[in-house]
N, C-alpha and C. Protein backbone atom coordinates (compact mmCIF):
# COMPACT_ATOMS: atom_id res chain seq x y z
N MET A 1 -3.05 6.82 22.25
CA MET A 1 -4.18 6.81 21.87
C MET A 1 -5.23 5.62 21.99
N ALA A 2 -6.20 5.56 23.02
CA ALA A 2 -6.46 5.03 23.57
C ALA A 2 -7.07 4.02 22.04
N LYS A 3 -7.18 3.22 21.84
CA LYS A 3 -7.80 1.90 20.24
C LYS A 3 -9.86 2.65 20.63
N GLU A 4 -9.82 3.08 19.40
CA GLU A 4 -11.43 3.76 19.04
C GLU A 4 -12.41 2.40 19.03
N PRO A 5 -13.54 1.95 19.80
CA PRO A 5 -14.32 0.74 19.07
C PRO A 5 -14.25 0.35 17.92
N HIS A 6 -14.55 1.49 16.69
CA HIS A 6 -15.15 0.97 15.53
C HIS A 6 -13.95 1.04 14.82
N ARG A 7 -12.25 0.93 15.32
CA ARG A 7 -11.06 0.81 14.47
C ARG A 7 -10.93 -0.02 14.95
N GLU A 8 -10.46 -0.89 13.51
CA GLU A 8 -9.47 -2.37 13.99
C GLU A 8 -7.55 -1.83 13.76
N ARG A 9 -6.56 -2.60 14.55
CA ARG A 9 -5.54 -2.33 14.99
C ARG A 9 -5.02 -1.76 12.76
N THR A 10 -4.31 -0.59 13.29
CA THR A 10 -3.70 -0.09 11.71
C THR A 10 -2.57 -1.28 10.79
N LEU A 11 -2.52 -1.35 10.03
CA LEU A 11 -1.83 -2.53 9.14
C LEU A 11 -1.08 -1.74 8.26
N LEU A 12 0.43 -2.69 7.87
CA LEU A 12 1.57 -2.64 7.19
C LEU A 12 1.04 -2.79 5.94
N TYR A 13 1.51 -1.62 4.38
CA TYR A 13 0.52 -2.32 3.54
C TYR A 13 2.36 -1.86 2.61
N VAL A 14 3.01 -2.90 2.93
CA VAL A 14 4.91 -2.82 1.72
C VAL A 14 4.45 -2.76 0.25
N ILE A 15 5.32 -1.89 -0.03
CA ILE A 15 5.31 -1.87 -1.60
C ILE A 15 7.25 -1.65 -1.84
N THR A 16 6.71 -2.21 -3.37
CA THR A 16 8.24 -3.14 -3.92
C THR A 16 8.83 -2.18 -4.11
N PRO A 17 10.38 -2.21 -3.78
CA PRO A 17 11.34 -0.84 -4.73
C PRO A 17 10.60 -0.77 -5.98
N PRO A 18 10.97 0.51 -6.72
CA PRO A 18 10.63 0.49 -7.89
C PRO A 18 11.15 -0.17 -9.12
N VAL A 19 12.56 -0.54 -9.02
CA VAL A 19 13.29 -1.55 -9.88
C VAL A 19 13.90 -2.81 -9.05
N ILE A 20 13.57 -3.56 -9.27
CA ILE A 20 14.38 -5.07 -8.94
C ILE A 20 14.94 -5.55 -9.94
N THR A 21 16.16 -5.93 -9.52
CA THR A 21 17.37 -6.20 -10.88
C THR A 21 17.39 -7.85 -10.60
N ASP A 22 17.77 -7.82 -9.14
CA ASP A 22 17.66 -9.53 -8.74
C ASP A 22 16.75 -10.32 -7.79
N ILE A 23 15.59 -11.18 -8.69
CA ILE A 23 14.61 -11.57 -8.02
C ILE A 23 14.73 -12.00 -6.96
N ALA A 24 16.01 -13.36 -7.14
CA ALA A 24 16.24 -13.63 -5.96
C ALA A 24 16.07 -13.21 -4.97
N ALA A 25 17.38 -11.93 -5.07
CA ALA A 25 17.82 -11.17 -3.75
C ALA A 25 16.30 -10.58 -2.80
N PHE A 26 15.49 -10.28 -3.76
CA PHE A 26 14.39 -9.27 -3.45
C PHE A 26 13.93 -11.17 -2.60
N VAL A 27 13.08 -11.86 -3.14
CA VAL A 27 12.59 -13.17 -2.32
C VAL A 27 13.04 -12.91 -1.17
N GLN A 28 14.97 -13.62 -1.16
CA GLN A 28 14.93 -13.43 0.47
C GLN A 28 14.90 -11.51 1.67
N GLN A 29 15.01 -10.68 0.53
CA GLN A 29 14.20 -9.55 1.17
C GLN A 29 12.88 -10.11 2.28
N PHE A 30 12.62 -9.80 0.93
CA PHE A 30 10.70 -10.28 1.27
C PHE A 30 10.65 -11.20 2.38
N GLU A 31 10.99 -12.28 2.14
CA GLU A 31 11.20 -13.61 3.88
C GLU A 31 11.43 -12.58 5.04
N ALA A 32 12.65 -12.15 5.07
CA ALA A 32 13.49 -11.40 5.84
C ALA A 32 12.07 -10.25 6.46
N ALA A 33 11.89 -9.77 5.66
CA ALA A 33 10.68 -8.69 6.25
C ALA A 33 9.31 -9.62 7.06
N ILE A 34 8.75 -9.98 5.99
CA ILE A 34 7.87 -11.36 6.91
C ILE A 34 8.35 -11.85 8.29
N ALA A 35 9.59 -12.17 8.48
CA ALA A 35 9.85 -12.88 9.53
C ALA A 35 9.81 -11.37 10.87
N GLY A 36 9.95 -10.19 9.77
CA GLY A 36 9.85 -8.85 11.18
C GLY A 36 8.71 -8.85 12.00
N GLY A 37 7.72 -9.53 11.05
CA GLY A 37 6.41 -9.20 11.86
C GLY A 37 5.27 -8.92 11.07
N ASP A 38 4.26 -8.63 11.21
CA ASP A 38 2.77 -8.44 10.25
C ASP A 38 3.09 -7.34 9.69
N ILE A 39 2.31 -7.95 8.44
CA ILE A 39 2.60 -7.62 6.80
C ILE A 39 0.89 -7.69 6.36
N ALA A 40 0.29 -6.20 6.10
CA ALA A 40 -1.03 -6.99 5.78
C ALA A 40 -1.45 -7.12 4.14
N SER A 41 0.01 -6.50 3.51
CA SER A 41 -0.11 -6.22 1.70
C SER A 41 0.69 -5.85 1.20
N LEU A 42 1.56 -6.73 -0.15
CA LEU A 42 2.56 -6.00 -1.10
C LEU A 42 2.08 -6.24 -2.38
N GLN A 43 2.20 -4.58 -2.63
CA GLN A 43 2.05 -4.39 -3.73
C GLN A 43 3.45 -4.45 -5.13
N VAL A 44 3.01 -4.96 -5.78
CA VAL A 44 4.00 -4.38 -6.70
C VAL A 44 4.17 -3.64 -7.65
N ARG A 45 4.92 -2.99 -7.53
CA ARG A 45 4.85 -1.33 -8.20
C ARG A 45 6.27 -1.15 -8.94
N LEU A 46 6.37 -1.52 -9.80
CA LEU A 46 7.91 -1.59 -11.27
C LEU A 46 7.51 -0.91 -12.20
N LYS A 47 8.66 0.18 -12.22
CA LYS A 47 8.02 1.44 -13.26
C LYS A 47 9.23 1.86 -14.20
N THR A 48 8.60 1.80 -15.13
CA THR A 48 9.93 2.65 -16.04
C THR A 48 9.67 3.61 -16.55
N GLY A 49 10.23 4.81 -16.20
CA GLY A 49 9.40 6.17 -15.80
C GLY A 49 8.09 6.49 -15.29
N ALA A 50 7.57 6.55 -16.22
CA ALA A 50 6.03 6.38 -15.76
C ALA A 50 5.34 5.63 -15.82
N GLU A 51 5.30 3.95 -16.74
CA GLU A 51 4.82 3.38 -17.75
C GLU A 51 4.79 2.02 -16.50
N ILE A 52 4.44 1.55 -15.34
CA ILE A 52 4.41 0.34 -15.33
C ILE A 52 5.52 -0.52 -16.49
N ASP A 53 6.36 -1.54 -15.84
CA ASP A 53 7.51 -2.47 -16.38
C ASP A 53 6.70 -3.86 -16.31
N ALA A 54 5.70 -3.54 -17.39
CA ALA A 54 4.91 -5.24 -17.17
C ALA A 54 6.10 -6.53 -17.18
N HIS A 55 6.73 -6.61 -17.76
CA HIS A 55 7.38 -7.85 -17.56
C HIS A 55 7.86 -8.23 -16.32
N ALA A 56 8.99 -6.76 -15.57
CA ALA A 56 9.13 -7.23 -14.62
C ALA A 56 8.15 -7.89 -12.99
N THR A 57 6.75 -6.87 -13.38
CA THR A 57 6.20 -7.09 -12.61
C THR A 57 5.45 -8.44 -12.66
N ARG A 58 5.45 -9.06 -14.02
CA ARG A 58 4.92 -10.47 -13.98
C ARG A 58 6.07 -10.87 -13.31
N GLU A 59 7.34 -11.37 -13.26
CA GLU A 59 8.43 -12.30 -12.85
C GLU A 59 8.50 -11.96 -11.08
N VAL A 60 8.38 -10.47 -10.85
CA VAL A 60 8.17 -10.52 -9.39
C VAL A 60 7.65 -10.80 -9.31
N ALA A 61 5.92 -10.52 -9.22
CA ALA A 61 4.63 -11.24 -9.02
C ALA A 61 4.94 -12.37 -8.69
N GLN A 62 5.08 -13.44 -9.53
CA GLN A 62 4.89 -14.44 -9.51
C GLN A 62 6.18 -15.47 -8.84
N ALA A 63 7.26 -14.55 -8.34
CA ALA A 63 7.90 -15.24 -7.44
C ALA A 63 7.13 -14.98 -5.80
N VAL A 64 6.40 -14.33 -5.74
CA VAL A 64 6.68 -14.04 -4.10
C VAL A 64 5.17 -14.46 -4.13
N GLN A 65 4.60 -14.62 -5.29
CA GLN A 65 3.33 -14.90 -4.81
C GLN A 65 3.39 -16.16 -3.78
N PRO A 66 4.20 -17.30 -3.70
CA PRO A 66 3.97 -18.36 -2.42
C PRO A 66 3.63 -17.90 -1.10
N LEU A 67 4.96 -17.03 -1.14
CA LEU A 67 4.99 -16.42 0.27
C LEU A 67 4.34 -15.59 0.70
N CYS A 68 3.38 -14.45 -0.25
CA CYS A 68 1.97 -13.97 -0.04
C CYS A 68 0.77 -14.95 0.72
N ARG A 69 0.30 -16.37 -0.31
CA ARG A 69 -0.36 -17.50 0.06
C ARG A 69 0.02 -17.88 1.46
N ALA A 70 1.16 -18.53 1.68
CA ALA A 70 1.69 -18.88 2.40
C ALA A 70 1.26 -17.88 4.08
N ASN A 71 1.77 -16.80 3.67
CA ASN A 71 1.50 -15.60 5.16
C ASN A 71 0.41 -15.10 4.87
N ASP A 72 -0.53 -14.95 4.40
CA ASP A 72 -1.76 -14.47 3.94
C ASP A 72 -1.66 -13.04 4.05
N ILE A 73 -1.15 -13.23 2.47
CA ILE A 73 -0.48 -11.26 2.84
C ILE A 73 -1.40 -11.11 1.35
N ALA A 74 -2.06 -9.90 1.46
CA ALA A 74 -2.37 -9.62 -0.23
C ALA A 74 -1.29 -9.12 -1.38
N LEU A 75 -1.41 -9.55 -2.76
CA LEU A 75 -0.99 -9.82 -3.26
C LEU A 75 -1.71 -8.62 -4.48
N ILE A 76 -1.28 -7.01 -4.46
CA ILE A 76 -1.65 -6.74 -4.86
C ILE A 76 -0.82 -5.53 -5.88
N ILE A 77 -1.15 -5.36 -7.52
CA ILE A 77 -0.49 -5.39 -9.00
C ILE A 77 -0.94 -3.77 -8.81
N ASN A 78 0.61 -2.84 -9.37
CA ASN A 78 0.33 -1.45 -9.39
C ASN A 78 -0.07 -1.59 -10.73
N ASP A 79 -1.29 -1.07 -11.14
CA ASP A 79 -1.28 -0.21 -12.33
C ASP A 79 -2.32 -1.34 -13.51
N SER A 80 -1.62 -1.86 -13.10
CA SER A 80 -2.74 -3.12 -14.15
C SER A 80 -3.69 -4.72 -14.01
N PRO A 81 -4.93 -3.88 -13.97
CA PRO A 81 -5.94 -4.98 -13.96
C PRO A 81 -5.45 -6.01 -14.48
N GLN A 82 -5.58 -5.89 -15.87
CA GLN A 82 -5.17 -6.87 -16.88
C GLN A 82 -3.46 -8.48 -16.47
N LEU A 83 -2.86 -7.27 -16.00
CA LEU A 83 -1.88 -8.23 -14.83
C LEU A 83 -2.30 -8.49 -14.16
N CYS A 84 -3.28 -8.46 -13.11
CA CYS A 84 -3.85 -8.76 -11.94
C CYS A 84 -4.75 -9.67 -11.74
N ARG A 85 -5.15 -10.25 -13.13
CA ARG A 85 -6.05 -10.86 -13.78
C ARG A 85 -5.27 -12.34 -14.40
N ALA A 86 -4.69 -11.58 -14.47
CA ALA A 86 -3.85 -13.02 -15.57
C ALA A 86 -2.69 -13.35 -14.47
N LEU A 87 -2.73 -12.51 -13.18
CA LEU A 87 -1.59 -13.34 -12.38
C LEU A 87 -2.63 -13.85 -10.73
N GLN A 88 -3.90 -13.72 -11.26
CA GLN A 88 -4.85 -14.28 -9.70
C GLN A 88 -4.51 -13.84 -8.78
N ALA A 89 -4.27 -12.48 -9.38
CA ALA A 89 -3.53 -11.55 -7.98
C ALA A 89 -4.72 -10.98 -6.62
N ASP A 90 -4.84 -10.64 -6.04
CA ASP A 90 -5.83 -10.31 -4.70
C ASP A 90 -6.05 -9.41 -4.76
N GLY A 91 -5.55 -8.06 -5.66
CA GLY A 91 -6.17 -6.99 -5.55
C GLY A 91 -5.02 -5.57 -7.08
N VAL A 92 -5.19 -4.93 -7.25
CA VAL A 92 -4.80 -3.94 -8.15
C VAL A 92 -5.29 -2.43 -7.72
N HIS A 93 -3.87 -1.54 -7.29
CA HIS A 93 -3.96 -0.12 -7.13
C HIS A 93 -3.87 0.43 -8.67
N LEU A 94 -4.54 1.14 -8.72
CA LEU A 94 -5.00 2.68 -9.64
C LEU A 94 -4.93 4.28 -9.10
N GLY A 95 -3.70 4.38 -10.14
CA GLY A 95 -3.78 5.61 -10.06
C GLY A 95 -3.96 6.86 -10.57
N ALA A 96 -4.23 7.56 -10.41
CA ALA A 96 -4.99 8.85 -10.97
C ALA A 96 -5.01 8.42 -12.27
N ASP A 97 -4.46 8.20 -13.40
CA ASP A 97 -4.24 8.50 -14.77
C ASP A 97 -4.83 6.98 -15.91
N ASP A 98 -5.03 5.93 -14.51
CA ASP A 98 -5.03 4.59 -14.90
C ASP A 98 -6.73 4.12 -15.13
N MET A 99 -6.97 3.18 -15.41
CA MET A 99 -7.84 2.57 -15.95
C MET A 99 -9.21 3.01 -15.29
N ASP A 100 -10.26 3.81 -15.88
CA ASP A 100 -11.54 3.70 -14.76
C ASP A 100 -11.75 2.65 -13.80
N ILE A 101 -12.56 2.78 -12.52
CA ILE A 101 -12.65 2.04 -11.71
C ILE A 101 -13.56 1.21 -11.95
N LYS A 102 -14.80 1.69 -12.05
CA LYS A 102 -15.67 0.46 -13.27
C LYS A 102 -15.47 0.03 -14.23
N ALA A 103 -14.42 0.21 -14.96
CA ALA A 103 -13.78 -0.92 -16.14
C ALA A 103 -12.94 -1.59 -15.89
N ALA A 104 -12.50 -1.52 -14.40
CA ALA A 104 -11.23 -2.65 -14.11
C ALA A 104 -12.13 -3.29 -12.80
N ARG A 105 -13.31 -3.11 -12.35
CA ARG A 105 -13.94 -4.16 -11.94
C ARG A 105 -14.46 -5.49 -12.47
N GLU A 106 -15.08 -4.29 -14.02
CA GLU A 106 -15.92 -5.51 -14.84
C GLU A 106 -14.97 -6.69 -15.55
N LEU A 107 -13.39 -5.86 -15.37
CA LEU A 107 -12.35 -6.84 -16.06
C LEU A 107 -11.41 -8.03 -14.92
N VAL A 108 -11.63 -7.26 -13.64
CA VAL A 108 -11.10 -8.44 -12.44
C VAL A 108 -12.18 -8.53 -11.98
N GLY A 109 -13.35 -8.82 -11.81
CA GLY A 109 -14.48 -9.28 -11.06
C GLY A 109 -14.90 -8.99 -9.60
N PRO A 110 -15.39 -9.51 -9.31
CA PRO A 110 -16.28 -8.26 -7.92
C PRO A 110 -15.63 -9.00 -6.59
N ASP A 111 -15.10 -9.97 -6.77
CA ASP A 111 -13.91 -10.16 -5.40
C ASP A 111 -12.25 -9.89 -5.39
N VAL A 112 -11.99 -9.23 -6.27
CA VAL A 112 -10.82 -8.63 -6.64
C VAL A 112 -10.49 -6.80 -5.36
N ILE A 113 -9.48 -7.44 -5.24
CA ILE A 113 -9.53 -5.48 -4.43
C ILE A 113 -8.79 -4.30 -5.41
N ILE A 114 -9.91 -3.67 -5.15
CA ILE A 114 -9.55 -2.04 -5.91
C ILE A 114 -9.43 -0.91 -5.42
N GLY A 115 -7.76 -0.96 -5.25
CA GLY A 115 -7.46 0.43 -4.69
C GLY A 115 -7.13 1.74 -4.76
N ALA A 116 -7.39 2.58 -4.72
CA ALA A 116 -7.32 4.36 -5.48
C ALA A 116 -6.56 4.77 -5.16
N THR A 117 -5.23 5.92 -5.74
CA THR A 117 -4.59 6.56 -5.51
C THR A 117 -5.44 8.33 -5.64
N CYS A 118 -5.98 8.65 -4.17
CA CYS A 118 -6.80 9.75 -3.92
C CYS A 118 -5.71 11.67 -3.79
N LYS A 119 -4.48 10.91 -3.69
CA LYS A 119 -3.47 11.91 -3.35
C LYS A 119 -4.43 12.86 -2.44
N THR A 120 -4.22 14.03 -2.86
CA THR A 120 -5.12 14.87 -1.42
C THR A 120 -6.71 14.99 -0.96
N SER A 121 -7.53 14.70 -2.45
CA SER A 121 -8.73 14.95 -3.06
C SER A 121 -9.77 13.90 -2.02
N ARG A 122 -10.38 14.49 -1.31
CA ARG A 122 -11.41 14.46 -0.86
C ARG A 122 -12.60 14.15 -1.87
N HIS A 123 -12.68 14.90 -2.94
CA HIS A 123 -13.72 14.46 -3.91
C HIS A 123 -13.60 12.96 -4.75
N THR A 124 -12.45 13.20 -5.24
CA THR A 124 -11.22 11.96 -6.08
C THR A 124 -11.87 10.67 -4.90
N ALA A 125 -11.92 10.34 -3.61
CA ALA A 125 -11.87 9.85 -2.86
C ALA A 125 -13.54 9.23 -2.62
N MET A 126 -14.38 10.58 -2.69
CA MET A 126 -15.70 10.10 -2.57
C MET A 126 -16.36 9.42 -3.84
N MET A 127 -15.31 9.86 -5.24
CA MET A 127 -16.25 9.78 -6.47
C MET A 127 -15.25 7.69 -6.32
N ALA A 128 -14.50 7.77 -5.79
CA ALA A 128 -13.34 6.74 -5.99
C ALA A 128 -14.95 5.40 -5.02
N GLY A 129 -15.14 6.00 -4.01
CA GLY A 129 -16.13 5.32 -3.36
C GLY A 129 -17.60 4.34 -3.84
N GLU A 130 -17.66 5.53 -4.89
CA GLU A 130 -19.32 5.69 -5.56
C GLU A 130 -19.17 4.81 -6.66
N THR A 131 -18.17 4.20 -7.29
CA THR A 131 -17.60 3.97 -8.38
C THR A 131 -16.73 2.02 -8.17
N GLY A 132 -17.15 1.82 -6.74
CA GLY A 132 -16.56 0.35 -6.76
C GLY A 132 -15.14 -0.01 -5.54
N ALA A 133 -14.01 1.17 -5.98
CA ALA A 133 -13.08 1.18 -4.78
C ALA A 133 -12.96 0.27 -4.06
N ASP A 134 -12.23 -0.25 -3.50
CA ASP A 134 -12.48 -1.19 -2.10
C ASP A 134 -11.64 -0.16 -0.57
N TYR A 135 -10.56 0.57 -1.28
CA TYR A 135 -10.00 1.29 -0.61
C TYR A 135 -9.38 2.89 -1.01
N VAL A 136 -8.44 3.33 -0.40
CA VAL A 136 -8.32 5.12 -1.25
C VAL A 136 -7.37 5.17 -0.14
N ALA A 137 -6.22 5.42 -1.35
CA ALA A 137 -4.81 6.22 -0.61
C ALA A 137 -5.04 7.57 -0.53
N PHE A 138 -4.03 8.54 0.46
CA PHE A 138 -3.62 9.66 0.56
C PHE A 138 -2.10 9.88 0.76
N GLY A 139 -2.25 10.67 0.26
CA GLY A 139 -0.64 11.15 0.60
C GLY A 139 0.12 11.94 -1.46
N ALA A 140 1.20 12.70 -0.71
CA ALA A 140 2.50 12.65 0.34
C ALA A 140 2.35 13.03 1.34
N PHE A 141 2.26 12.22 2.02
CA PHE A 141 2.50 12.79 3.98
C PHE A 141 4.24 13.80 4.25
N HIS A 142 5.10 13.04 3.45
CA HIS A 142 5.78 13.53 4.02
C HIS A 142 6.85 13.29 2.45
N PRO A 143 7.91 14.03 2.48
CA PRO A 143 8.74 14.23 1.27
C PRO A 143 8.96 12.49 0.89
N THR A 144 8.88 12.05 -0.43
CA THR A 144 9.49 10.74 -0.48
C THR A 144 10.21 10.62 -1.95
N GLN A 145 11.13 9.53 -1.78
CA GLN A 145 11.71 9.64 -2.68
C GLN A 145 11.83 8.72 -4.13
N THR A 146 10.31 7.63 -3.61
CA THR A 146 9.19 6.99 -4.44
C THR A 146 8.30 8.03 -5.19
N LYS A 147 8.10 8.93 -5.26
CA LYS A 147 7.14 10.02 -5.46
C LYS A 147 7.83 11.41 -5.98
N PRO A 148 9.07 12.44 -6.19
CA PRO A 148 9.45 12.96 -5.42
C PRO A 148 8.62 14.87 -6.16
N GLY A 149 8.05 15.20 -5.40
CA GLY A 149 7.37 16.40 -5.86
C GLY A 149 5.74 16.10 -5.55
N ALA A 150 5.66 15.02 -4.98
CA ALA A 150 4.34 14.82 -4.77
C ALA A 150 3.43 16.23 -4.02
N SER A 151 2.09 16.19 -3.87
CA SER A 151 1.75 17.79 -3.06
C SER A 151 1.70 16.78 -2.07
N PRO A 152 1.85 17.69 -0.80
CA PRO A 152 1.90 17.55 0.04
C PRO A 152 0.28 17.16 0.92
N ALA A 153 0.33 16.39 1.63
CA ALA A 153 -1.13 15.81 2.85
C ALA A 153 -1.08 16.21 3.45
N SER A 154 -1.99 16.83 4.19
CA SER A 154 -2.50 16.72 5.37
C SER A 154 -3.22 15.56 6.28
N PRO A 155 -2.60 15.43 7.10
CA PRO A 155 -3.37 14.36 8.63
C PRO A 155 -4.49 14.56 8.47
N ASP A 156 -5.70 15.51 8.79
CA ASP A 156 -6.92 15.79 8.86
C ASP A 156 -7.59 15.03 7.51
N VAL A 157 -7.38 14.46 6.39
CA VAL A 157 -7.79 14.18 5.31
C VAL A 157 -8.18 12.58 6.00
N LEU A 158 -7.50 11.86 6.40
CA LEU A 158 -7.63 11.02 6.96
C LEU A 158 -8.82 10.96 8.05
N THR A 159 -8.71 11.52 8.83
CA THR A 159 -9.86 11.74 9.87
C THR A 159 -10.89 12.01 8.97
N TRP A 160 -11.01 12.60 7.80
CA TRP A 160 -12.33 13.25 7.50
C TRP A 160 -12.63 11.38 6.97
N CYS A 161 -11.97 10.82 5.86
CA CYS A 161 -12.27 9.78 5.41
C CYS A 161 -12.63 8.34 6.64
N GLN A 162 -12.47 8.75 7.78
CA GLN A 162 -13.05 7.66 8.32
C GLN A 162 -14.55 8.19 9.52
N MET A 163 -14.82 9.76 9.25
CA MET A 163 -16.09 9.75 9.70
C MET A 163 -16.81 9.80 8.51
N PHE A 164 -16.56 10.00 7.09
CA PHE A 164 -17.60 10.76 5.96
C PHE A 164 -17.58 8.59 5.25
N LEU A 165 -16.42 8.40 5.19
CA LEU A 165 -16.43 7.25 4.24
C LEU A 165 -16.73 6.10 4.88
N THR A 166 -17.01 4.53 4.09
CA THR A 166 -16.61 3.16 5.02
C THR A 166 -15.92 2.43 4.23
N LEU A 167 -15.26 3.09 3.39
CA LEU A 167 -13.49 2.74 2.58
C LEU A 167 -12.56 2.83 3.73
N PRO A 168 -12.06 1.68 3.93
CA PRO A 168 -10.40 2.02 4.42
C PRO A 168 -9.89 3.01 3.86
N CYS A 169 -8.85 3.55 4.84
CA CYS A 169 -7.61 4.66 4.35
C CYS A 169 -6.32 4.19 4.37
N VAL A 170 -5.38 4.56 3.42
CA VAL A 170 -4.36 4.08 3.41
C VAL A 170 -3.33 5.37 3.09
N ALA A 171 -2.83 5.25 4.01
CA ALA A 171 -1.23 6.16 4.27
C ALA A 171 -0.22 6.13 3.24
N ILE A 172 0.84 6.90 2.98
CA ILE A 172 1.55 6.77 1.81
C ILE A 172 2.57 8.18 1.56
N GLY A 173 4.00 7.58 1.79
CA GLY A 173 4.65 8.85 1.29
C GLY A 173 5.54 9.29 2.48
N GLY A 174 6.95 8.86 2.89
CA GLY A 174 7.76 9.08 3.44
C GLY A 174 7.79 8.62 5.04
N ILE A 175 7.49 7.99 4.95
CA ILE A 175 6.31 7.08 6.58
C ILE A 175 7.32 6.30 6.94
N THR A 176 7.93 7.33 8.42
CA THR A 176 9.06 5.79 9.34
C THR A 176 8.40 5.69 10.23
N PRO A 177 8.54 4.78 11.14
CA PRO A 177 8.70 4.56 12.50
C PRO A 177 8.59 5.90 13.43
N GLU A 178 9.26 6.61 12.92
CA GLU A 178 9.28 8.19 13.90
C GLU A 178 8.23 9.11 13.69
N ASN A 179 8.15 8.74 12.46
CA ASN A 179 6.84 10.41 12.01
C ASN A 179 5.43 9.58 11.84
N ALA A 180 4.99 7.98 11.93
CA ALA A 180 4.01 7.77 11.95
C ALA A 180 2.71 7.78 12.74
N THR A 181 3.18 7.86 14.21
CA THR A 181 1.95 7.78 15.19
C THR A 181 0.60 8.88 14.54
N PRO A 182 1.48 10.69 14.13
CA PRO A 182 0.50 11.08 13.91
C PRO A 182 -0.75 10.83 12.80
N LEU A 183 -0.28 10.35 11.95
CA LEU A 183 -1.24 9.76 10.97
C LEU A 183 -2.22 7.96 11.04
N ILE A 184 -0.76 7.58 12.09
CA ILE A 184 -2.60 6.52 13.12
C ILE A 184 -3.64 7.08 13.72
N GLU A 185 -3.04 7.68 14.39
CA GLU A 185 -3.85 8.65 15.16
C GLU A 185 -5.18 9.81 14.31
N ALA A 186 -4.46 9.91 13.23
CA ALA A 186 -4.97 10.58 12.60
C ALA A 186 -6.89 10.07 11.87
N GLY A 187 -6.05 8.86 11.84
CA GLY A 187 -7.28 7.77 11.29
C GLY A 187 -6.59 6.67 10.18
N ALA A 188 -5.07 6.44 10.02
CA ALA A 188 -5.10 5.61 8.88
C ALA A 188 -5.48 4.02 9.51
N ASP A 189 -5.64 3.58 8.17
CA ASP A 189 -6.25 2.33 8.43
C ASP A 189 -4.88 1.41 7.86
N PHE A 190 -3.98 2.02 7.31
CA PHE A 190 -2.68 1.49 6.54
C PHE A 190 -2.35 2.20 6.68
N LEU A 191 -0.31 1.98 6.41
CA LEU A 191 0.71 2.35 6.20
C LEU A 191 1.39 1.96 5.52
N ALA A 192 1.35 2.47 3.87
CA ALA A 192 2.04 1.84 2.85
C ALA A 192 3.77 2.48 2.80
N VAL A 193 4.74 1.91 2.65
CA VAL A 193 6.19 2.15 2.85
C VAL A 193 7.03 0.88 2.27
N SER A 194 7.67 1.71 1.56
CA SER A 194 8.93 1.32 0.85
C SER A 194 10.26 1.23 0.89
N ASN A 195 11.11 2.54 0.29
CA ASN A 195 12.18 2.66 1.11
C ASN A 195 12.22 2.50 2.49
N GLY A 196 10.92 2.92 3.75
CA GLY A 196 10.97 2.70 4.41
C GLY A 196 11.81 0.69 4.96
N ILE A 197 11.51 0.49 4.61
CA ILE A 197 11.59 -1.16 4.39
C ILE A 197 12.78 -1.56 4.30
N TRP A 198 12.80 -1.00 2.93
CA TRP A 198 14.17 -1.66 1.83
C TRP A 198 15.65 -1.14 1.86
N THR A 199 15.47 -0.17 2.37
CA THR A 199 16.76 0.70 2.66
C THR A 199 16.98 1.01 4.21
N HIS A 200 16.19 0.16 4.95
CA HIS A 200 15.98 0.28 6.32
C HIS A 200 18.13 -0.04 6.42
N ALA A 201 18.78 0.67 8.27
CA ALA A 201 20.36 0.25 7.63
C ALA A 201 20.37 -1.32 8.72
N ASP A 202 18.76 -1.59 9.44
CA ASP A 202 19.60 -2.65 9.96
C ASP A 202 18.39 -4.27 9.08
N GLY A 203 17.94 -3.86 7.87
CA GLY A 203 17.55 -4.97 7.32
C GLY A 203 15.90 -4.43 7.22
N PRO A 204 15.18 -5.27 6.52
CA PRO A 204 14.13 -5.17 6.70
C PRO A 204 13.01 -6.10 7.47
N ALA A 205 13.94 -6.76 8.20
CA ALA A 205 13.00 -7.48 8.96
C ALA A 205 12.96 -6.70 10.59
N ALA A 206 14.12 -5.97 10.57
CA ALA A 206 13.84 -5.09 11.68
C ALA A 206 13.10 -3.38 11.24
N ALA A 207 12.84 -3.17 9.90
CA ALA A 207 12.20 -2.18 9.66
C ALA A 207 10.14 -2.28 9.89
N VAL A 208 10.39 -3.86 9.79
CA VAL A 208 8.78 -4.55 10.15
C VAL A 208 8.45 -4.05 11.46
N ALA A 209 9.29 -4.77 12.04
CA ALA A 209 8.77 -5.00 13.33
C ALA A 209 9.10 -3.63 14.11
N ALA A 210 9.64 -2.54 13.37
CA ALA A 210 9.81 -0.88 13.88
C ALA A 210 8.61 -0.61 13.64
N TYR A 211 8.16 -0.80 12.48
CA TYR A 211 6.62 0.32 12.42
C TYR A 211 5.64 -0.91 13.16
N ASN A 212 5.72 -2.09 13.27
CA ASN A 212 4.44 -2.30 14.33
C ASN A 212 4.80 -2.40 15.52
N ARG A 213 6.09 -2.17 15.81
CA ARG A 213 6.23 -1.49 17.37
C ARG A 213 5.16 0.08 17.40
N THR A 214 5.58 0.84 16.93
CA THR A 214 5.05 2.52 16.35
C THR A 214 3.61 2.23 16.46
N ILE A 215 2.85 0.92 15.59
CA ILE A 215 1.25 1.15 15.32
C ILE A 215 0.97 0.71 17.02
N ASP A 216 1.55 -0.88 17.31
CA ASP A 216 1.06 -1.66 19.05
C ASP A 216 1.06 0.02 19.61
N GLU A 217 1.94 0.86 19.68
CA GLU A 217 2.02 1.76 20.47
C GLU A 217 0.91 3.02 20.60
N ALA A 218 0.65 2.71 19.57
CA ALA A 218 -0.51 3.94 19.13
C ALA A 218 -1.79 3.20 19.98
N PHE A 219 -2.38 2.14 19.70
CA PHE A 219 -2.78 1.82 20.01
C PHE A 219 -3.08 0.87 21.44
N SER A 220 -2.06 1.12 22.50
CA SER A 220 -1.85 0.38 23.74
C SER A 220 -2.43 1.23 24.47
């Protein structure tokens, strides 16, 4: 795919494992991931069932925040504008059932990134844009352990986003270096990845390097 004049290079959006029991070990894993290549953002997504684990989110976010700042990586908090504000994080990602975007914006202020889960819905994406989101996320594009049973998304929703919305779009769900190219070609501005980084057989540095090679090849 030749790079289109209006499109910037696709970037990597890393998501933490859903449970982190050893924060020091995770910080080392994250350091290794950073050494592997370009990472645009890290979302701290720690859940107990369907609910955010606020205590763990706070501890992990505080532990990785210096690394994020030193490496120009946006620190995104999942689900909680309140924690985002308290931690002075760079952004918050809101699920379909979380606080509405307007209320979140009032809480976090004008300069904080707000992302919105849209699953497979163009309508949800349009409403997110109208109410002040900074990016929209679609998926799952492939089966994923993070959200088993998620409705499958088609890559054409990414192309639609490029054509009709001014917001960046994030592709999520079971994305690997081997299956990412069609999503990049369809219009993904970001590839969101969790298990593909942390469970890679050769470690997180090799995983990040592999994703970046796939992105570079798609834009060459």
